[in-house]
Protein backbone atom coordinates (compact mmCIF):
# COMPACT_ATOMS: atom_id res chain seq x y z
CA MET A 1 92.96 -18.93 85.59
CA ARG A 2 89.84 -21.00 84.95
CA ARG A 3 89.93 -24.76 84.55
CA ASP A 4 88.54 -26.71 81.64
CA ALA A 5 86.67 -30.00 81.35
CA THR A 6 89.79 -32.17 81.32
CA GLY A 7 91.51 -30.53 84.25
CA GLY A 8 93.79 -28.20 82.32
CA GLU A 9 93.99 -24.46 82.54
CA ASN A 10 91.86 -22.60 80.07
CA PRO A 11 93.39 -19.24 79.18
CA HIS A 12 90.48 -18.38 76.90
CA ASP A 13 87.64 -16.21 78.08
CA PHE A 14 84.91 -14.43 76.18
CA GLY A 15 86.37 -11.66 74.08
CA ARG A 16 84.72 -8.29 73.74
CA GLY A 17 83.21 -9.28 70.40
CA THR A 18 81.62 -12.41 71.86
CA ARG A 19 80.18 -10.50 74.83
CA LEU A 20 78.74 -7.78 72.64
CA GLY A 21 77.46 -10.26 70.06
CA ALA A 22 75.65 -12.39 72.64
CA ARG A 23 73.98 -9.38 74.24
CA LEU A 24 72.98 -7.83 70.93
CA ALA A 25 71.59 -11.16 69.72
CA PHE A 26 69.40 -11.64 72.79
CA GLY A 27 68.41 -7.99 72.73
CA ALA A 28 67.29 -8.49 69.14
CA VAL A 29 65.20 -11.49 70.22
CA ILE A 30 63.48 -9.33 72.85
CA LEU A 31 62.79 -6.54 70.37
CA ILE A 32 61.40 -8.98 67.81
CA ALA A 33 59.22 -10.63 70.44
CA THR A 34 57.87 -7.38 71.87
CA LEU A 35 57.64 -4.98 68.92
CA SER A 36 56.75 -7.02 65.83
CA PRO A 37 54.88 -6.60 63.46
CA TRP A 38 56.71 -3.24 63.47
CA ARG A 39 53.78 -0.90 62.93
CA PHE A 40 54.26 2.57 64.43
CA GLU A 41 52.10 5.70 64.27
CA ALA A 42 53.13 9.12 65.64
CA ASP A 43 49.64 10.23 66.67
CA LEU A 44 50.05 12.44 69.76
CA GLY A 45 46.47 11.97 70.94
CA GLN A 46 46.70 8.19 70.63
CA VAL A 47 50.09 8.17 72.37
CA LEU A 48 48.72 10.15 75.32
CA GLU A 49 45.74 7.80 75.59
CA GLU A 50 48.06 4.77 75.54
CA LEU A 51 50.26 6.42 78.19
CA ARG A 52 47.24 7.00 80.44
CA ARG A 53 46.25 3.36 80.03
CA ALA A 54 49.83 2.19 80.65
CA LEU A 55 49.97 4.06 83.97
CA SER A 56 46.62 2.57 85.08
CA PRO A 57 47.05 -1.15 84.40
CA SER A 58 44.49 -3.82 85.18
CA LEU A 59 45.13 -6.94 87.27
CA SER A 60 43.20 -9.64 85.40
CA PRO A 61 44.25 -13.30 84.98
CA ARG A 62 45.50 -12.32 81.52
CA ASP A 63 47.83 -9.75 83.09
CA LEU A 64 49.11 -12.38 85.51
CA VAL A 65 50.02 -14.75 82.69
CA ASP A 66 51.58 -11.87 80.74
CA GLY A 67 53.65 -11.03 83.80
CA VAL A 68 54.94 -14.58 84.10
CA ARG A 69 55.89 -14.60 80.43
CA ASN A 70 57.66 -11.25 80.79
CA VAL A 71 59.68 -12.59 83.70
CA ALA A 72 60.68 -15.65 81.68
CA LEU A 73 61.68 -13.58 78.62
CA PHE A 74 63.80 -11.04 80.50
CA ALA A 75 65.31 -13.72 82.74
CA GLY A 76 67.16 -14.76 79.61
CA TRP A 77 68.54 -11.24 79.27
CA GLY A 78 69.78 -11.25 82.86
CA ALA A 79 71.35 -14.68 82.42
CA VAL A 80 73.11 -13.71 79.18
CA TRP A 81 74.37 -10.44 80.69
CA PHE A 82 75.80 -12.24 83.71
CA ALA A 83 77.31 -15.11 81.71
CA THR A 84 79.12 -12.68 79.40
CA ALA A 85 80.19 -10.16 82.05
CA GLU A 86 83.88 -9.37 82.40
CA SER A 87 83.73 -8.33 86.05
CA VAL A 88 84.04 -11.03 88.74
CA ARG A 89 82.10 -9.02 91.34
CA ILE A 90 78.96 -11.11 91.42
CA TRP A 91 76.51 -8.74 93.06
CA ARG A 92 77.69 -5.80 90.99
CA VAL A 93 77.09 -7.77 87.79
CA VAL A 94 73.67 -8.93 89.03
CA LEU A 95 72.59 -5.37 89.79
CA VAL A 96 73.89 -4.08 86.46
CA ALA A 97 72.01 -6.88 84.68
CA GLY A 98 68.81 -5.85 86.45
CA ALA A 99 69.40 -2.18 85.61
CA THR A 100 70.05 -2.88 81.93
CA GLY A 101 66.95 -5.08 81.84
CA ALA A 102 64.91 -2.22 83.29
CA ALA A 103 66.35 0.22 80.74
CA LEU A 104 65.64 -2.16 77.86
CA SER A 105 62.11 -2.74 79.15
CA LEU A 106 61.48 1.00 79.39
CA LEU A 107 62.69 1.42 75.81
CA VAL A 108 60.32 -1.34 74.66
CA GLU A 109 57.32 0.13 76.49
CA VAL A 110 57.97 3.61 75.07
CA ALA A 111 58.12 2.11 71.58
CA GLN A 112 54.89 0.21 72.24
CA LEU A 113 53.13 3.52 72.91
CA LEU A 114 53.62 4.21 69.20
CA SER A 115 52.54 0.73 68.07
CA PRO A 116 48.77 0.13 67.65
CA PRO A 117 49.09 -3.70 67.79
CA ARG A 118 50.93 -3.50 71.13
CA THR A 119 49.82 -2.45 74.62
CA ALA A 120 52.27 -0.74 76.97
CA SER A 121 51.99 -1.15 80.75
CA VAL A 122 53.95 -0.08 83.79
CA LEU A 123 53.47 -3.63 85.08
CA ASP A 124 55.53 -4.86 82.15
CA VAL A 125 58.45 -2.67 83.23
CA ILE A 126 58.23 -4.09 86.75
CA THR A 127 57.98 -7.74 85.67
CA ASN A 128 60.65 -7.36 82.99
CA SER A 129 63.06 -5.78 85.48
CA ALA A 130 62.34 -8.49 88.03
CA GLY A 131 62.94 -11.12 85.36
CA ALA A 132 66.31 -9.66 84.39
CA LEU A 133 67.40 -9.49 88.03
CA GLY A 134 66.18 -13.02 88.74
CA GLY A 135 67.80 -14.39 85.59
CA ALA A 136 71.15 -12.92 86.58
CA MET A 137 70.88 -14.43 90.05
CA LEU A 138 69.98 -17.84 88.61
CA ALA A 139 72.92 -17.59 86.21
CA ALA A 140 75.24 -16.83 89.14
CA LEU A 141 74.00 -19.90 90.99
CA ALA A 142 74.24 -22.06 87.87
CA LEU A 143 77.81 -20.96 87.16
CA ALA A 144 78.86 -21.64 90.74
CA TRP A 145 77.22 -25.06 90.62
CA VAL A 146 78.72 -26.07 87.26
CA GLY A 147 82.12 -24.68 88.19
CA SER A 148 82.15 -26.69 91.42
CA ALA A 149 81.87 -29.89 89.37
CA TRP A 150 85.29 -29.34 87.80
CA GLY A 151 87.71 -32.14 88.64
CA GLY A 152 84.98 -34.66 89.43
CA ARG A 153 83.88 -37.68 87.47
CA SER A 154 82.19 -36.83 84.18
CA LEU A 155 80.80 -39.25 81.62
CA VAL A 156 80.64 -36.74 78.73
CA GLY A 157 82.94 -33.86 79.67
CA VAL A 158 80.21 -31.79 81.35
CA PRO A 159 78.31 -32.59 84.56
CA ALA A 160 75.47 -34.98 83.74
CA ALA A 161 73.32 -33.04 86.20
CA LEU A 162 73.44 -30.11 83.76
CA LEU A 163 71.68 -32.38 81.28
CA ALA A 164 69.44 -34.20 83.75
CA VAL A 165 67.98 -31.23 85.65
CA PRO A 166 66.69 -29.20 82.65
CA TYR A 167 65.29 -32.33 81.00
CA ALA A 168 63.57 -33.44 84.21
CA CYS A 169 62.05 -29.96 84.59
CA ALA A 170 60.71 -30.10 81.02
CA ALA A 171 59.23 -33.53 81.72
CA MET A 172 57.60 -32.22 84.90
CA LEU A 173 56.01 -29.37 82.97
CA GLU A 174 54.64 -31.90 80.46
CA ALA A 175 53.23 -33.96 83.33
CA LEU A 176 51.68 -30.87 84.92
CA ILE A 177 49.99 -29.53 81.76
CA PRO A 178 50.26 -32.13 78.94
CA LEU A 179 50.28 -30.99 75.34
CA PHE A 180 47.62 -33.38 74.01
CA ARG A 181 45.48 -34.09 77.08
CA GLN A 182 44.18 -30.68 78.12
CA GLU A 183 40.62 -30.75 79.43
CA THR A 184 40.56 -27.66 81.59
CA LEU A 185 38.02 -27.83 84.41
CA ALA A 186 35.87 -24.95 85.63
CA TRP A 187 37.72 -21.72 86.40
CA GLY A 188 38.48 -20.90 90.02
CA GLY A 189 41.20 -20.95 92.64
CA PRO A 190 43.59 -23.88 93.17
CA LEU A 191 41.49 -25.57 95.89
CA PRO A 192 38.15 -25.32 94.02
CA ARG A 193 39.85 -26.76 90.96
CA LEU A 194 41.32 -29.59 93.01
CA ARG A 195 37.89 -30.39 94.45
CA ALA A 196 36.39 -30.36 90.95
CA ALA A 197 39.11 -32.71 89.70
CA LEU A 198 38.55 -35.12 92.58
CA ALA A 199 34.80 -35.02 91.94
CA HIS A 200 35.35 -35.93 88.27
CA PHE A 201 38.08 -38.45 89.00
CA GLN A 202 37.90 -41.78 87.21
CA ALA A 203 40.52 -44.40 86.41
CA GLY A 204 39.70 -44.42 82.69
CA PRO A 205 39.93 -47.30 80.22
CA ALA A 206 43.18 -49.09 79.52
CA LEU A 207 43.05 -47.82 75.93
CA SER A 208 43.71 -44.28 77.22
CA PHE A 209 47.19 -45.26 78.41
CA PRO A 210 49.53 -42.58 76.93
CA LEU A 211 52.10 -44.78 75.20
CA LEU A 212 53.81 -41.82 73.54
CA ASP A 213 54.80 -40.51 76.97
CA LEU A 214 57.04 -43.51 77.65
CA PRO A 215 59.90 -42.52 75.28
CA LEU A 216 59.64 -38.89 76.41
CA PHE A 217 60.18 -39.76 80.08
CA PHE A 218 62.75 -42.50 79.41
CA PRO A 219 65.70 -40.04 79.09
CA ALA A 220 64.76 -38.40 82.40
CA GLY A 221 65.50 -41.65 84.22
CA ALA A 222 68.68 -42.38 82.27
CA LEU A 223 70.16 -38.91 82.74
CA ALA A 224 69.28 -38.88 86.44
CA VAL A 225 71.14 -42.16 86.94
CA ALA A 226 74.18 -40.76 85.11
CA ALA A 227 74.14 -37.69 87.37
CA LEU A 228 73.97 -39.80 90.54
CA VAL A 229 76.74 -42.12 89.33
CA GLU A 230 78.99 -39.10 88.79
CA ARG A 231 78.31 -38.22 92.43
CA GLY A 232 79.59 -41.60 93.59
CA ARG A 233 76.45 -43.75 93.69
CA SER A 234 76.55 -47.25 92.24
CA TYR A 235 74.54 -47.88 89.07
CA ARG A 236 72.15 -50.20 90.88
CA ALA A 237 71.57 -47.87 93.83
CA ALA A 238 71.11 -44.90 91.49
CA ALA A 239 68.55 -46.77 89.37
CA ILE A 240 66.51 -47.81 92.42
CA THR A 241 66.59 -44.29 93.85
CA VAL A 242 65.47 -42.72 90.56
CA ALA A 243 62.68 -45.25 90.01
CA LEU A 244 61.24 -44.84 93.51
CA ALA A 245 61.57 -41.06 93.56
CA GLY A 246 60.01 -40.90 90.10
CA ALA A 247 56.96 -42.89 91.16
CA VAL A 248 56.31 -40.47 94.01
CA LEU A 249 57.05 -37.36 91.94
CA TRP A 250 54.83 -38.19 88.98
CA GLY A 251 51.95 -39.15 91.23
CA PHE A 252 52.28 -35.86 93.07
CA LEU A 253 52.43 -33.86 89.83
CA GLU A 254 49.30 -35.54 88.50
CA VAL A 255 47.41 -34.34 91.57
CA ALA A 256 49.14 -30.93 91.46
CA GLY A 257 47.94 -30.52 87.89
CA ALA A 258 44.39 -30.49 89.22
CA THR A 259 45.10 -27.20 91.01
CA VAL A 260 45.70 -25.52 87.63
CA GLY A 261 42.58 -27.01 86.06
CA GLN A 262 43.75 -30.36 84.67
CA PRO A 263 41.83 -33.61 85.31
CA ILE A 264 43.55 -36.33 87.33
CA GLU A 265 44.60 -39.20 85.05
CA PRO A 266 46.25 -42.03 87.01
CA LEU A 267 47.27 -43.88 83.84
CA ALA A 268 49.35 -40.86 82.82
CA ALA A 269 51.18 -40.94 86.16
CA VAL A 270 51.78 -44.68 85.68
CA ALA A 271 53.16 -44.10 82.18
CA HIS A 272 55.51 -41.38 83.42
CA ALA A 273 56.75 -43.51 86.31
CA LEU A 274 57.27 -46.51 84.01
CA GLY A 275 59.16 -44.40 81.47
CA VAL A 276 61.51 -43.01 84.11
CA ALA A 277 62.00 -46.44 85.71
CA ALA A 278 62.76 -47.99 82.32
CA GLY A 279 65.28 -45.25 81.57
CA ALA A 280 66.94 -45.74 84.96
CA ALA A 281 67.12 -49.52 84.48
CA ALA A 282 68.51 -49.15 80.96
CA ALA A 283 71.18 -46.73 82.19
CA ALA A 284 72.22 -49.09 84.98
CA LEU A 285 72.44 -51.96 82.49
CA TRP A 286 74.00 -50.30 79.45
CA LEU A 287 76.00 -47.29 80.63
CA PRO A 288 78.88 -49.36 82.08
CA LYS A 289 79.24 -51.15 78.72
CA LEU A 290 78.88 -48.02 76.62
CA THR A 291 81.50 -46.13 78.63
CA THR A 292 84.04 -48.88 77.93
CA ARG A 293 83.22 -49.15 74.22
CA LEU A 294 82.80 -45.48 73.36
CA HIS A 295 85.57 -43.04 74.23
CA GLY A 296 86.19 -39.33 73.76
CA SER A 297 84.33 -37.68 70.93
CA ARG A 298 82.61 -40.92 69.86
CA ARG A 299 80.76 -41.08 73.17
CA ALA A 300 79.77 -37.41 73.05
CA PHE A 301 78.64 -37.51 69.42
CA ALA A 302 76.58 -40.64 70.11
CA LEU A 303 74.87 -38.76 72.94
CA LEU A 304 74.31 -35.73 70.69
CA ALA A 305 72.68 -37.94 68.04
CA ALA A 306 70.50 -39.68 70.63
CA TYR A 307 69.44 -36.37 72.15
CA ALA A 308 68.56 -34.97 68.72
CA ALA A 309 66.31 -38.01 68.21
CA VAL A 310 64.66 -37.32 71.58
CA LEU A 311 64.00 -33.72 70.56
CA ALA A 312 62.40 -35.04 67.36
CA LEU A 313 60.07 -37.14 69.52
CA TRP A 314 59.01 -34.04 71.44
CA SER A 315 58.55 -31.97 68.28
CA TRP A 316 56.90 -34.42 65.89
CA ARG A 317 54.50 -36.39 68.07
CA PRO A 318 51.87 -37.75 67.32
CA PHE A 319 53.67 -38.57 64.02
CA VAL A 320 50.50 -38.38 61.90
CA PRO A 321 51.27 -36.74 58.53
CA GLU A 322 48.97 -34.09 57.11
CA LEU A 323 49.96 -33.32 53.53
CA THR A 324 46.98 -31.43 52.16
CA ILE A 325 47.69 -28.16 50.36
CA SER A 326 45.19 -26.25 52.49
CA ALA A 327 46.82 -27.42 55.73
CA ILE A 328 50.30 -26.51 54.50
CA ARG A 329 49.07 -23.09 53.32
CA THR A 330 47.61 -22.45 56.77
CA GLU A 331 50.87 -23.39 58.45
CA LEU A 332 52.80 -20.98 56.25
CA SER A 333 50.50 -18.02 56.83
CA PRO A 334 52.22 -14.70 57.69
CA ALA A 335 50.69 -14.80 61.18
CA ARG A 336 52.92 -17.77 62.06
CA LEU A 337 55.99 -15.64 61.35
CA VAL A 338 55.10 -13.07 64.02
CA PRO A 339 56.91 -13.95 67.28
CA LEU A 340 54.67 -14.62 70.29
CA ARG A 341 51.48 -13.95 68.34
CA ALA A 342 50.05 -17.42 68.99
CA HIS A 343 50.89 -17.10 72.68
CA ALA A 344 49.30 -13.66 72.83
CA GLU A 345 46.07 -15.15 71.48
CA ARG A 346 46.18 -17.94 74.05
CA VAL A 347 46.69 -16.34 77.43
CA ASP A 348 46.82 -19.20 79.91
CA LEU A 349 49.41 -21.17 81.85
CA PHE A 350 49.98 -23.54 78.92
CA SER A 351 51.63 -20.76 76.92
CA VAL A 352 54.09 -20.24 79.79
CA VAL A 353 54.68 -23.98 80.16
CA ASP A 354 55.19 -24.42 76.41
CA ILE A 355 57.86 -21.71 76.16
CA SER A 356 59.62 -22.86 79.34
CA ALA A 357 59.74 -26.50 78.20
CA LEU A 358 61.19 -25.59 74.80
CA PHE A 359 63.90 -23.50 76.47
CA LEU A 360 64.78 -26.26 78.94
CA LEU A 361 64.91 -29.02 76.32
CA TYR A 362 67.55 -27.22 74.26
CA LEU A 363 69.71 -26.15 77.20
CA PRO A 364 71.47 -29.59 77.42
CA LEU A 365 72.15 -29.48 73.67
CA GLY A 366 73.97 -26.17 74.02
CA ALA A 367 75.91 -27.48 77.02
CA LEU A 368 77.14 -30.48 75.03
CA LEU A 369 78.09 -28.38 72.00
CA ALA A 370 80.14 -26.08 74.25
CA VAL A 371 82.56 -28.92 74.95
CA TRP A 372 81.98 -31.09 71.88
CA PRO A 373 81.52 -28.77 68.86
CA LEU A 374 80.85 -30.66 65.64
CA ARG A 375 83.26 -28.34 63.82
CA ARG A 376 85.58 -25.57 64.93
CA ARG A 377 85.02 -23.61 61.71
CA GLY A 378 82.54 -23.48 58.89
CA PRO A 379 78.74 -23.85 58.79
CA PHE A 380 78.63 -26.37 61.66
CA ARG A 381 80.77 -24.47 64.18
CA GLN A 382 79.85 -23.75 67.77
CA LEU A 383 76.07 -23.34 68.31
CA LEU A 384 74.97 -23.41 64.68
CA PRO A 385 74.00 -27.13 64.72
CA ALA A 386 71.49 -26.40 67.50
CA LEU A 387 69.95 -23.61 65.41
CA TYR A 388 69.75 -25.88 62.36
CA LEU A 389 68.09 -28.62 64.40
CA ALA A 390 65.53 -26.22 65.86
CA MET A 391 64.69 -24.96 62.37
CA LEU A 392 64.44 -28.48 60.95
CA LEU A 393 62.19 -29.84 63.67
CA GLU A 394 59.94 -26.78 63.71
CA THR A 395 59.63 -26.74 59.92
CA GLY A 396 58.79 -30.45 59.98
CA GLN A 397 55.71 -29.66 62.04
CA ILE A 398 54.17 -28.14 58.91
CA LEU A 399 53.56 -31.69 57.67
CA ILE A 400 52.29 -33.18 60.95
CA ALA A 401 48.70 -33.17 62.15
CA GLU A 402 47.92 -31.35 65.41
CA ARG A 403 51.26 -29.52 65.31
CA PHE A 404 51.76 -25.89 64.36
CA PHE A 405 54.74 -24.09 62.91
CA ASP A 406 55.64 -21.04 65.00
CA ILE A 407 58.73 -18.87 64.60
CA THR A 408 58.61 -18.24 68.36
CA ASP A 409 59.61 -21.82 69.04
CA ILE A 410 62.81 -21.48 67.01
CA LEU A 411 63.76 -18.32 68.90
CA VAL A 412 63.09 -19.92 72.30
CA GLN A 413 64.93 -23.13 71.44
CA SER A 414 67.94 -21.21 70.14
CA ALA A 415 67.96 -19.12 73.32
CA GLY A 416 67.94 -22.29 75.43
CA ALA A 417 70.87 -23.76 73.53
CA ALA A 418 72.76 -20.46 73.81
CA ALA A 419 72.17 -20.35 77.57
CA GLY A 420 73.56 -23.86 78.02
CA TRP A 421 76.58 -23.03 75.87
CA LEU A 422 77.32 -19.79 77.72
CA VAL A 423 77.03 -21.35 81.19
CA VAL A 424 79.41 -24.19 80.36
CA ARG A 425 81.98 -22.01 78.65
CA ARG A 426 81.85 -19.31 81.33
CA ALA A 427 82.26 -21.97 84.03
CA GLY A 428 85.66 -22.78 82.51
CA PHE A 429 84.97 -25.87 80.41
CA ALA A 430 86.90 -25.61 77.14
CA PRO A 431 86.19 -27.43 73.87
CA TYR A 432 87.73 -30.88 73.96
CA GLY A 433 90.40 -30.13 71.34
CA GLU A 434 91.57 -26.98 73.14
CA ALA A 435 91.64 -28.84 76.45
CA LEU A 436 93.87 -31.57 75.03
CA ALA A 437 96.20 -29.00 73.50
CA ALA A 438 96.50 -27.16 76.82
CA ALA A 439 97.17 -30.38 78.72
CA ALA A 440 99.76 -31.75 76.25
CA PRO A 441 102.77 -29.64 77.38
CA ARG A 442 102.35 -30.80 80.97
CA ARG A 443 102.35 -34.47 79.96
CA ARG A 444 105.67 -34.24 78.13
């Protein structure tokens, strides 16, 4: 019998309908991402030519980036398959997840032979299969890690590390390849790029200080402190550790960004370190008071509201409205409704970083909703609030300068929230109301 977030036994596990629904939903996401715009032609000569090309793939930088994106996409399939598996034999489930990923990939590539807008490749089958296998293995590790936290101190019903780690990873990706400060240096290997960045290095004027990065990195420090406090560290010691480690980490990432073609900007590293340090200090100062004033669902719902505001910061920066009819018409063009089209046109590491960051940012939201659903029934049940938020924030980008509406973002964000929800529920954490009901008979 699995345990839930409050220490009671949770007799509920995923039913057959939930397992099948989750797998079909993610399978549909893969098919939409890999086969749209759904144009197929049964021309035998063209199919044979595409098959010849698929069996003789190239190995260009574009193919490398495509491979990374394939791994990321099918890693979600492997993770969902493992998280919804009924069997408790870990390695058997991992291998089956990899095999089903390979079968799904083969089906996609065969269909792409009939689709003129798509290009099939044997490399895609290999990378997709590897992604499914790797995703299942990561899901196994994540479930073991989250499950081991049962019975320990928890500020919001789920391990704070499950919120802190994905958010910190998203922040690190932003530091590595920032959204609004991309000035790619000359192409080459990592070391030539690093030498070029050092040759062009300059401190820059104080006016170039990225103020908007401060509120983005603030939650990374606060969540890290919460995670360390749950592990037994004092608030003060946790804040000092996070601030010092953050200063080293962000400086290292600024230099590491040079190896992928980004210029070194010391003021950006300073802004990131200050944001994390401020978040750590605020957590050490305010968390003890908030935990005594906010209890149960009030604390969790306050965190959900705050996290939704943080996601709005990520989605709507730089907060400059653009309300012209021509701009809105461009944002609503049919091309923006084709999944992954924008990323297919831009084949570089940023496209991988962008998708990964969106997935990671919504994973904590799904984890929180797994234990603290806004409603048990109706239009706001389970994961639906995360889907609504993703749609709202992405649609809002239509009215913001330098932001672009893309249906892909909604799919990726929803997948991230679903992954967080599945991991927490499969690890044995029950919704708060169910946990209280299960614990009540033992207290009588």
